[in-house]
Amino acid sequence: MKTLSIKKLGMAAGATAAIFYLGCIILMITVGKEGRCSSSTACCTSWM
């Protein structure tokens, strides 16, 4: 049975968290806090 490498496990967890964080930042920039795209773009329709 192999043992886990703490350095590799920490690097993998940190990289995963960084990718998730960057994805959230990109999502908030493109969609915005309202949850829909701005009226100048045709990517979304108004839900309300």
N, C-alpha and C. Protein backbone atom coordinates (compact mmCIF):
# COMPACT_ATOMS: atom_id res chain seq x y z
N MET A 1 0.84 -1.18 0.00
CA MET A 1 0.00 0.00 0.00
C MET A 1 0.89 1.25 0.00
N LYS A 2 0.59 2.18 -0.89
CA LYS A 2 1.38 3.40 -0.99
C LYS A 2 0.87 4.45 0.00
N THR A 3 1.77 5.31 0.40
CA THR A 3 1.38 6.40 1.30
C THR A 3 1.12 7.66 0.49
N LEU A 4 0.35 8.56 1.07
CA LEU A 4 0.06 9.82 0.42
C LEU A 4 1.20 10.80 0.63
N SER A 5 1.52 11.53 -0.40
CA SER A 5 2.53 12.57 -0.29
C SER A 5 1.82 13.86 0.16
N ILE A 6 2.20 14.37 1.31
CA ILE A 6 1.57 15.57 1.85
C ILE A 6 1.79 16.77 0.94
N LYS A 7 2.98 16.89 0.36
CA LYS A 7 3.28 18.01 -0.53
C LYS A 7 2.40 17.96 -1.78
N LYS A 8 2.26 16.78 -2.37
CA LYS A 8 1.43 16.65 -3.58
C LYS A 8 -0.05 16.86 -3.26
N LEU A 9 -0.48 16.37 -2.11
CA LEU A 9 -1.87 16.55 -1.70
C LEU A 9 -2.18 18.03 -1.46
N GLY A 10 -1.27 18.73 -0.81
CA GLY A 10 -1.46 20.15 -0.57
C GLY A 10 -1.44 20.96 -1.85
N MET A 11 -0.55 20.60 -2.77
CA MET A 11 -0.50 21.29 -4.05
C MET A 11 -1.78 21.06 -4.86
N ALA A 12 -2.27 19.84 -4.86
CA ALA A 12 -3.50 19.53 -5.59
C ALA A 12 -4.70 20.26 -4.99
N ALA A 13 -4.79 20.30 -3.67
CA ALA A 13 -5.90 21.00 -3.01
C ALA A 13 -5.81 22.50 -3.27
N GLY A 14 -4.63 23.07 -3.19
CA GLY A 14 -4.45 24.50 -3.45
C GLY A 14 -4.76 24.88 -4.89
N ALA A 15 -4.31 24.05 -5.82
CA ALA A 15 -4.59 24.33 -7.23
C ALA A 15 -6.08 24.23 -7.53
N THR A 16 -6.74 23.25 -6.94
CA THR A 16 -8.19 23.09 -7.13
C THR A 16 -8.94 24.29 -6.57
N ALA A 17 -8.55 24.74 -5.39
CA ALA A 17 -9.20 25.91 -4.78
C ALA A 17 -8.96 27.16 -5.61
N ALA A 18 -7.75 27.33 -6.15
CA ALA A 18 -7.44 28.50 -6.97
C ALA A 18 -8.26 28.51 -8.26
N ILE A 19 -8.39 27.36 -8.89
CA ILE A 19 -9.18 27.26 -10.12
C ILE A 19 -10.64 27.56 -9.84
N PHE A 20 -11.16 27.03 -8.74
CA PHE A 20 -12.55 27.30 -8.35
C PHE A 20 -12.75 28.79 -8.08
N TYR A 21 -11.82 29.41 -7.37
CA TYR A 21 -11.91 30.83 -7.04
C TYR A 21 -11.88 31.68 -8.31
N LEU A 22 -10.98 31.37 -9.23
CA LEU A 22 -10.91 32.12 -10.49
C LEU A 22 -12.18 31.94 -11.31
N GLY A 23 -12.74 30.74 -11.28
CA GLY A 23 -14.00 30.51 -11.98
C GLY A 23 -15.13 31.35 -11.42
N CYS A 24 -15.16 31.50 -10.09
CA CYS A 24 -16.18 32.34 -9.46
C CYS A 24 -16.00 33.80 -9.83
N ILE A 25 -14.75 34.24 -9.88
CA ILE A 25 -14.48 35.64 -10.26
C ILE A 25 -14.93 35.89 -11.69
N ILE A 26 -14.59 34.99 -12.60
CA ILE A 26 -15.00 35.15 -14.00
C ILE A 26 -16.51 35.13 -14.13
N LEU A 27 -17.17 34.26 -13.38
CA LEU A 27 -18.63 34.18 -13.42
C LEU A 27 -19.26 35.47 -12.92
N MET A 28 -18.74 36.02 -11.83
CA MET A 28 -19.30 37.26 -11.30
C MET A 28 -19.06 38.44 -12.23
N ILE A 29 -17.93 38.45 -12.94
CA ILE A 29 -17.66 39.53 -13.88
C ILE A 29 -18.60 39.45 -15.07
N THR A 30 -18.81 38.25 -15.60
CA THR A 30 -19.62 38.11 -16.81
C THR A 30 -21.12 38.19 -16.53
N VAL A 31 -21.57 37.62 -15.44
CA VAL A 31 -23.01 37.57 -15.17
C VAL A 31 -23.44 38.74 -14.29
N GLY A 32 -22.65 39.08 -13.31
CA GLY A 32 -23.00 40.18 -12.42
C GLY A 32 -23.75 39.69 -11.20
N LYS A 33 -23.97 40.60 -10.27
CA LYS A 33 -24.62 40.24 -9.02
C LYS A 33 -26.12 39.99 -9.18
N GLU A 34 -26.73 40.53 -10.24
CA GLU A 34 -28.16 40.35 -10.45
C GLU A 34 -28.50 38.94 -10.92
N GLY A 35 -27.53 38.23 -11.46
CA GLY A 35 -27.79 36.88 -11.94
C GLY A 35 -28.20 36.81 -13.39
N ARG A 36 -28.06 37.92 -14.10
CA ARG A 36 -28.36 37.92 -15.53
C ARG A 36 -27.39 38.86 -16.24
N CYS A 37 -27.29 38.71 -17.53
CA CYS A 37 -26.36 39.53 -18.31
C CYS A 37 -26.90 40.94 -18.47
N SER A 38 -26.03 41.85 -18.82
CA SER A 38 -26.46 43.23 -19.04
C SER A 38 -27.31 43.32 -20.31
N SER A 39 -28.04 44.39 -20.44
CA SER A 39 -28.96 44.52 -21.57
C SER A 39 -28.23 44.70 -22.90
N SER A 40 -26.95 45.08 -22.86
CA SER A 40 -26.22 45.28 -24.11
C SER A 40 -25.80 43.97 -24.77
N THR A 41 -25.79 42.88 -24.00
CA THR A 41 -25.43 41.58 -24.57
C THR A 41 -26.67 40.74 -24.77
N ALA A 42 -26.63 39.86 -25.74
CA ALA A 42 -27.78 39.04 -26.06
C ALA A 42 -27.64 37.62 -25.52
N CYS A 43 -26.84 37.43 -24.48
CA CYS A 43 -26.59 36.08 -24.01
C CYS A 43 -27.69 35.58 -23.08
N CYS A 44 -28.42 36.47 -22.45
CA CYS A 44 -29.46 36.05 -21.50
C CYS A 44 -30.73 36.84 -21.74
N THR A 45 -31.84 36.29 -21.30
CA THR A 45 -33.09 37.02 -21.34
C THR A 45 -33.48 37.37 -19.92
N SER A 46 -34.29 38.37 -19.78
CA SER A 46 -34.71 38.81 -18.45
C SER A 46 -35.66 37.78 -17.84
N TRP A 47 -35.42 37.44 -16.59
CA TRP A 47 -36.26 36.45 -15.91
C TRP A 47 -37.46 37.09 -15.24
N MET A 48 -37.41 38.40 -15.02
CA MET A 48 -38.52 39.07 -14.34
C MET A 48 -39.16 40.08 -15.24
